[in-house]
PDB file of all heavy atoms in Angstrom:
ATOM      1  N   ARG A   1    -122.149  94.836 194.621  1.00  0.00           N
ATOM      2  CA  ARG A   1    -121.186  93.889 194.053  1.00  0.00           C
ATOM      3  C   ARG A   1    -119.746  94.352 194.260  1.00  0.00           C
ATOM      4  O   ARG A   1    -118.841  93.533 194.453  1.00  0.00           O
ATOM      5  CB  ARG A   1    -121.475  93.689 192.572  1.00  0.00           C
ATOM      6  CG  ARG A   1    -120.551  92.702 191.884  1.00  0.00           C
ATOM      7  CD  ARG A   1    -120.989  92.391 190.462  1.00  0.00           C
ATOM      8  NE  ARG A   1    -120.025  91.546 189.788  1.00  0.00           N
ATOM      9  CZ  ARG A   1    -119.923  90.233 189.955  1.00  0.00           C
ATOM     10  NH1 ARG A   1    -120.743  89.630 190.782  1.00  0.00           N
ATOM     11  NH2 ARG A   1    -119.017  89.536 189.296  1.00  0.00           N
ATOM     12  N   ASP A   2    -119.524  95.661 194.250  1.00  0.00           N
ATOM     13  CA  ASP A   2    -118.156  96.166 194.364  1.00  0.00           C
ATOM     14  C   ASP A   2    -117.529  95.845 195.721  1.00  0.00           C
ATOM     15  O   ASP A   2    -116.316  95.624 195.806  1.00  0.00           O
ATOM     16  CB  ASP A   2    -118.120  97.669 194.110  1.00  0.00           C
ATOM     17  CG  ASP A   2    -118.332  98.006 192.637  1.00  0.00           C
ATOM     18  OD1 ASP A   2    -118.185  97.091 191.799  1.00  0.00           O
ATOM     19  OD2 ASP A   2    -118.655  99.159 192.329  1.00  0.00           O
ATOM     20  N   SER A   3    -118.315  95.818 196.782  1.00  0.00           N
ATOM     21  CA  SER A   3    -117.756  95.445 198.084  1.00  0.00           C
ATOM     22  C   SER A   3    -117.278  93.999 198.069  1.00  0.00           C
ATOM     23  O   SER A   3    -116.243  93.667 198.666  1.00  0.00           O
ATOM     24  CB  SER A   3    -118.791  95.650 199.192  1.00  0.00           C
ATOM     25  OG  SER A   3    -118.923  97.018 199.523  1.00  0.00           O
ATOM     26  N   LEU A   4    -118.013  93.135 197.378  1.00  0.00           N
ATOM     27  CA  LEU A   4    -117.583  91.745 197.246  1.00  0.00           C
ATOM     28  C   LEU A   4    -116.298  91.655 196.434  1.00  0.00           C
ATOM     29  O   LEU A   4    -115.369  90.926 196.788  1.00  0.00           O
ATOM     30  CB  LEU A   4    -118.692  90.923 196.578  1.00  0.00           C
ATOM     31  CG  LEU A   4    -118.382  89.456 196.289  1.00  0.00           C
ATOM     32  CD1 LEU A   4    -118.072  88.701 197.570  1.00  0.00           C
ATOM     33  CD2 LEU A   4    -119.548  88.801 195.551  1.00  0.00           C
ATOM     34  N   VAL A   5    -116.236  92.415 195.346  1.00  0.00           N
ATOM     35  CA  VAL A   5    -115.047  92.419 194.495  1.00  0.00           C
ATOM     36  C   VAL A   5    -113.820  92.889 195.276  1.00  0.00           C
ATOM     37  O   VAL A   5    -112.746  92.268 195.226  1.00  0.00           O
ATOM     38  CB  VAL A   5    -115.278  93.330 193.266  1.00  0.00           C
ATOM     39  CG1 VAL A   5    -113.976  93.583 192.516  1.00  0.00           C
ATOM     40  CG2 VAL A   5    -116.311  92.708 192.337  1.00  0.00           C
ATOM     41  N   VAL A   6    -113.963  93.992 196.018  1.00  0.00           N
ATOM     42  CA  VAL A   6    -112.841  94.550 196.774  1.00  0.00           C
ATOM     43  C   VAL A   6    -112.428  93.604 197.894  1.00  0.00           C
ATOM     44  O   VAL A   6    -111.228  93.385 198.134  1.00  0.00           O
ATOM     45  CB  VAL A   6    -113.205  95.940 197.325  1.00  0.00           C
ATOM     46  CG1 VAL A   6    -112.126  96.445 198.268  1.00  0.00           C
ATOM     47  CG2 VAL A   6    -113.403  96.929 196.172  1.00  0.00           C
ATOM     48  N   SER A   7    -113.387  93.017 198.578  1.00  0.00           N
ATOM     49  CA  SER A   7    -113.069  92.094 199.671  1.00  0.00           C
ATOM     50  C   SER A   7    -112.329  90.862 199.159  1.00  0.00           C
ATOM     51  O   SER A   7    -111.391  90.377 199.802  1.00  0.00           O
ATOM     52  CB  SER A   7    -114.348  91.677 200.400  1.00  0.00           C
ATOM     53  OG  SER A   7    -114.977  92.796 200.991  1.00  0.00           O
ATOM     54  N   GLN A   8    -112.743  90.350 197.996  1.00  0.00           N
ATOM     55  CA  GLN A   8    -112.041  89.209 197.419  1.00  0.00           C
ATOM     56  C   GLN A   8    -110.622  89.592 197.027  1.00  0.00           C
ATOM     57  O   GLN A   8    -109.684  88.789 197.191  1.00  0.00           O
ATOM     58  CB  GLN A   8    -112.802  88.687 196.198  1.00  0.00           C
ATOM     59  CG  GLN A   8    -112.226  87.378 195.647  1.00  0.00           C
ATOM     60  CD  GLN A   8    -112.350  86.237 196.643  1.00  0.00           C
ATOM     61  OE1 GLN A   8    -113.444  85.860 197.031  1.00  0.00           O
ATOM     62  NE2 GLN A   8    -111.216  85.692 197.066  1.00  0.00           N
ATOM     63  N   LEU A   9    -110.445  90.803 196.518  1.00  0.00           N
ATOM     64  CA  LEU A   9    -109.104  91.274 196.187  1.00  0.00           C
ATOM     65  C   LEU A   9    -108.222  91.314 197.426  1.00  0.00           C
ATOM     66  O   LEU A   9    -107.051  90.936 197.389  1.00  0.00           O
ATOM     67  CB  LEU A   9    -109.169  92.660 195.545  1.00  0.00           C
ATOM     68  CG  LEU A   9    -107.819  93.276 195.159  1.00  0.00           C
ATOM     69  CD1 LEU A   9    -107.166  92.473 194.044  1.00  0.00           C
ATOM     70  CD2 LEU A   9    -107.987  94.717 194.719  1.00  0.00           C
ATOM     71  N   VAL A  10    -108.781  91.759 198.547  1.00  0.00           N
ATOM     72  CA  VAL A  10    -108.033  91.790 199.805  1.00  0.00           C
ATOM     73  C   VAL A  10    -107.584  90.382 200.183  1.00  0.00           C
ATOM     74  O   VAL A  10    -106.413  90.154 200.521  1.00  0.00           O
ATOM     75  CB  VAL A  10    -108.882  92.406 200.932  1.00  0.00           C
ATOM     76  CG1 VAL A  10    -108.186  92.242 202.280  1.00  0.00           C
ATOM     77  CG2 VAL A  10    -109.155  93.886 200.661  1.00  0.00           C
ATOM     78  N   ALA A  11    -108.507  89.421 200.114  1.00  0.00           N
ATOM     79  CA  ALA A  11    -108.173  88.043 200.465  1.00  0.00           C
ATOM     80  C   ALA A  11    -107.092  87.486 199.541  1.00  0.00           C
ATOM     81  O   ALA A  11    -106.123  86.864 200.001  1.00  0.00           O
ATOM     82  CB  ALA A  11    -109.429  87.175 200.403  1.00  0.00           C
ATOM     83  N   ASP A  12    -107.225  87.728 198.250  1.00  0.00           N
ATOM     84  CA  ASP A  12    -106.251  87.206 197.288  1.00  0.00           C
ATOM     85  C   ASP A  12    -104.887  87.860 197.475  1.00  0.00           C
ATOM     86  O   ASP A  12    -103.848  87.204 197.334  1.00  0.00           O
ATOM     87  CB  ASP A  12    -106.744  87.436 195.864  1.00  0.00           C
ATOM     88  CG  ASP A  12    -107.981  86.609 195.526  1.00  0.00           C
ATOM     89  OD1 ASP A  12    -108.274  85.650 196.262  1.00  0.00           O
ATOM     90  OD2 ASP A  12    -108.668  86.945 194.536  1.00  0.00           O
ATOM     91  N   ALA A  13    -104.894  89.150 197.783  1.00  0.00           N
ATOM     92  CA  ALA A  13    -103.624  89.853 197.990  1.00  0.00           C
ATOM     93  C   ALA A  13    -102.907  89.328 199.232  1.00  0.00           C
ATOM     94  O   ALA A  13    -101.691  89.099 199.211  1.00  0.00           O
ATOM     95  CB  ALA A  13    -103.880  91.355 198.116  1.00  0.00           C
ATOM     96  N   LEU A  14    -103.640  89.116 200.308  1.00  0.00           N
ATOM     97  CA  LEU A  14    -103.038  88.562 201.520  1.00  0.00           C
ATOM     98  C   LEU A  14    -102.471  87.173 201.248  1.00  0.00           C
ATOM     99  O   LEU A  14    -101.355  86.842 201.687  1.00  0.00           O
ATOM    100  CB  LEU A  14    -104.076  88.494 202.639  1.00  0.00           C
ATOM    101  CG  LEU A  14    -104.443  89.823 203.306  1.00  0.00           C
ATOM    102  CD1 LEU A  14    -105.655  89.637 204.206  1.00  0.00           C
ATOM    103  CD2 LEU A  14    -103.268  90.382 204.115  1.00  0.00           C
ATOM    104  N   ALA A  15    -103.228  86.351 200.524  1.00  0.00           N
ATOM    105  CA  ALA A  15    -102.761  85.004 200.210  1.00  0.00           C
ATOM    106  C   ALA A  15    -101.495  85.022 199.363  1.00  0.00           C
ATOM    107  O   ALA A  15    -100.692  84.087 199.412  1.00  0.00           O
ATOM    108  CB  ALA A  15    -103.863  84.222 199.485  1.00  0.00           C
ATOM    109  N   SER A  16    -101.300  86.095 198.604  1.00  0.00           N
ATOM    110  CA  SER A  16    -100.125  86.206 197.737  1.00  0.00           C
ATOM    111  C   SER A  16     -98.942  86.873 198.431  1.00  0.00           C
ATOM    112  O   SER A  16     -97.900  87.068 197.819  1.00  0.00           O
ATOM    113  CB  SER A  16    -100.484  86.991 196.474  1.00  0.00           C
ATOM    114  OG  SER A  16    -101.444  86.291 195.725  1.00  0.00           O
ATOM    115  N   GLY A  17     -99.116  87.241 199.696  1.00  0.00           N
ATOM    116  CA  GLY A  17     -98.000  87.786 200.461  1.00  0.00           C
ATOM    117  C   GLY A  17     -97.968  89.287 200.622  1.00  0.00           C
ATOM    118  O   GLY A  17     -97.001  89.829 201.147  1.00  0.00           O
ATOM    119  N   ALA A  18     -98.993  89.989 200.169  1.00  0.00           N
ATOM    120  CA  ALA A  18     -99.018  91.446 200.325  1.00  0.00           C
ATOM    121  C   ALA A  18     -99.188  91.819 201.789  1.00  0.00           C
ATOM    122  O   ALA A  18     -99.852  91.114 202.559  1.00  0.00           O
ATOM    123  CB  ALA A  18    -100.154  92.034 199.496  1.00  0.00           C
ATOM    124  N   SER A  19     -98.612  92.935 202.174  1.00  0.00           N
ATOM    125  CA  SER A  19     -98.719  93.387 203.564  1.00  0.00           C
ATOM    126  C   SER A  19    -100.026  94.146 203.762  1.00  0.00           C
ATOM    127  O   SER A  19    -100.532  94.790 202.837  1.00  0.00           O
ATOM    128  CB  SER A  19     -97.548  94.299 203.923  1.00  0.00           C
ATOM    129  OG  SER A  19     -97.697  95.560 203.292  1.00  0.00           O
ATOM    130  N   PRO A  20    -100.589  94.096 204.959  1.00  0.00           N
ATOM    131  CA  PRO A  20    -101.822  94.840 205.237  1.00  0.00           C
ATOM    132  C   PRO A  20    -101.702  96.333 204.941  1.00  0.00           C
ATOM    133  O   PRO A  20    -102.634  96.949 204.425  1.00  0.00           O
ATOM    134  CB  PRO A  20    -102.071  94.576 206.719  1.00  0.00           C
ATOM    135  CG  PRO A  20    -101.384  93.275 206.985  1.00  0.00           C
ATOM    136  CD  PRO A  20    -100.165  93.283 206.107  1.00  0.00           C
ATOM    137  N   SER A  21    -100.554  96.924 205.255  1.00  0.00           N
ATOM    138  CA  SER A  21    -100.400  98.370 205.037  1.00  0.00           C
ATOM    139  C   SER A  21    -100.433  98.714 203.557  1.00  0.00           C
ATOM    140  O   SER A  21    -101.015  99.725 203.155  1.00  0.00           O
ATOM    141  CB  SER A  21     -99.091  98.865 205.668  1.00  0.00           C
ATOM    142  OG  SER A  21     -97.975  98.199 205.088  1.00  0.00           O
ATOM    143  N   ASP A  22     -99.816  97.868 202.724  1.00  0.00           N
ATOM    144  CA  ASP A  22     -99.850  98.123 201.280  1.00  0.00           C
ATOM    145  C   ASP A  22    -101.260  97.954 200.727  1.00  0.00           C
ATOM    146  O   ASP A  22    -101.696  98.718 199.855  1.00  0.00           O
ATOM    147  CB  ASP A  22     -98.892  97.184 200.545  1.00  0.00           C
ATOM    148  CG  ASP A  22     -97.444  97.617 200.659  1.00  0.00           C
ATOM    149  OD1 ASP A  22     -97.201  98.836 200.721  1.00  0.00           O
ATOM    150  OD2 ASP A  22     -96.561  96.752 200.704  1.00  0.00           O
ATOM    151  N   ILE A  23    -101.969  96.963 201.224  1.00  0.00           N
ATOM    152  CA  ILE A  23    -103.339  96.743 200.753  1.00  0.00           C
ATOM    153  C   ILE A  23    -104.208  97.947 201.097  1.00  0.00           C
ATOM    154  O   ILE A  23    -104.931  98.474 200.242  1.00  0.00           O
ATOM    155  CB  ILE A  23    -103.917  95.464 201.381  1.00  0.00           C
ATOM    156  CG1 ILE A  23    -103.178  94.236 200.852  1.00  0.00           C
ATOM    157  CG2 ILE A  23    -105.411  95.342 201.069  1.00  0.00           C
ATOM    158  CD1 ILE A  23    -103.535  92.944 201.556  1.00  0.00           C
ATOM    159  N   LYS A  24    -104.141  98.401 202.337  1.00  0.00           N
ATOM    160  CA  LYS A  24    -104.961  99.538 202.765  1.00  0.00           C
ATOM    161  C   LYS A  24    -104.563 100.796 202.008  1.00  0.00           C
ATOM    162  O   LYS A  24    -105.396 101.656 201.707  1.00  0.00           O
ATOM    163  CB  LYS A  24    -104.830  99.732 204.280  1.00  0.00           C
ATOM    164  CG  LYS A  24    -105.486  98.628 205.093  1.00  0.00           C
ATOM    165  CD  LYS A  24    -105.264  98.800 206.584  1.00  0.00           C
ATOM    166  CE  LYS A  24    -106.130  99.914 207.165  1.00  0.00           C
ATOM    167  NZ  LYS A  24    -107.560  99.558 207.194  1.00  0.00           N
ATOM    168  N   HIS A  25    -103.279 100.914 201.692  1.00  0.00           N
ATOM    169  CA  HIS A  25    -102.787 102.071 200.948  1.00  0.00           C
ATOM    170  C   HIS A  25    -103.389 102.127 199.550  1.00  0.00           C
ATOM    171  O   HIS A  25    -103.708 103.200 199.024  1.00  0.00           O
ATOM    172  CB  HIS A  25    -101.263 101.994 200.864  1.00  0.00           C
ATOM    173  CG  HIS A  25    -100.631 103.120 200.081  1.00  0.00           C
ATOM    174  ND1 HIS A  25    -100.411 103.021 198.728  1.00  0.00           N
ATOM    175  CD2 HIS A  25    -100.196 104.343 200.456  1.00  0.00           C
ATOM    176  CE1 HIS A  25     -99.847 104.147 198.300  1.00  0.00           C
ATOM    177  NE2 HIS A  25     -99.710 104.961 199.315  1.00  0.00           N
ATOM    178  N   ASP A  26    -103.560 100.942 198.923  1.00  0.00           N
ATOM    179  CA  ASP A  26    -103.984 100.882 197.526  1.00  0.00           C
ATOM    180  C   ASP A  26    -105.486 100.816 197.319  1.00  0.00           C
ATOM    181  O   ASP A  26    -105.973 101.124 196.221  1.00  0.00           O
ATOM    182  CB  ASP A  26    -103.354  99.663 196.846  1.00  0.00           C
ATOM    183  CG  ASP A  26    -101.839  99.757 196.748  1.00  0.00           C
ATOM    184  OD1 ASP A  26    -101.333 100.885 196.702  1.00  0.00           O
ATOM    185  OD2 ASP A  26    -101.178  98.711 196.722  1.00  0.00           O
ATOM    186  N   LEU A  27    -106.238 100.439 198.336  1.00  0.00           N
ATOM    187  CA  LEU A  27    -107.669 100.224 198.155  1.00  0.00           C
ATOM    188  C   LEU A  27    -108.438 101.447 197.640  1.00  0.00           C
ATOM    189  O   LEU A  27    -109.362 101.285 196.839  1.00  0.00           O
ATOM    190  CB  LEU A  27    -108.303  99.712 199.449  1.00  0.00           C
ATOM    191  CG  LEU A  27    -108.089  98.226 199.736  1.00  0.00           C
ATOM    192  CD1 LEU A  27    -108.860  97.823 200.986  1.00  0.00           C
ATOM    193  CD2 LEU A  27    -108.507  97.361 198.561  1.00  0.00           C
ATOM    194  N   PRO A  28    -108.121 102.674 198.068  1.00  0.00           N
ATOM    195  CA  PRO A  28    -108.882 103.812 197.537  1.00  0.00           C
ATOM    196  C   PRO A  28    -108.865 103.906 196.018  1.00  0.00           C
ATOM    197  O   PRO A  28    -109.877 104.248 195.400  1.00  0.00           O
ATOM    198  CB  PRO A  28    -108.198 105.031 198.170  1.00  0.00           C
ATOM    199  CG  PRO A  28    -107.593 104.508 199.439  1.00  0.00           C
ATOM    200  CD  PRO A  28    -107.165 103.105 199.111  1.00  0.00           C
TER     201      PRO A  28
END
C-alpha cells in the first residue's frame, strides 16, 4: 500500500507545481 501512497503523492505534488528534483529530494 505504501508504494501506492507515495506514487499518488508524487502525482499530486507535480500537479501542484513541485519540481521533480524537490520531489525526489523529499521522498526518502
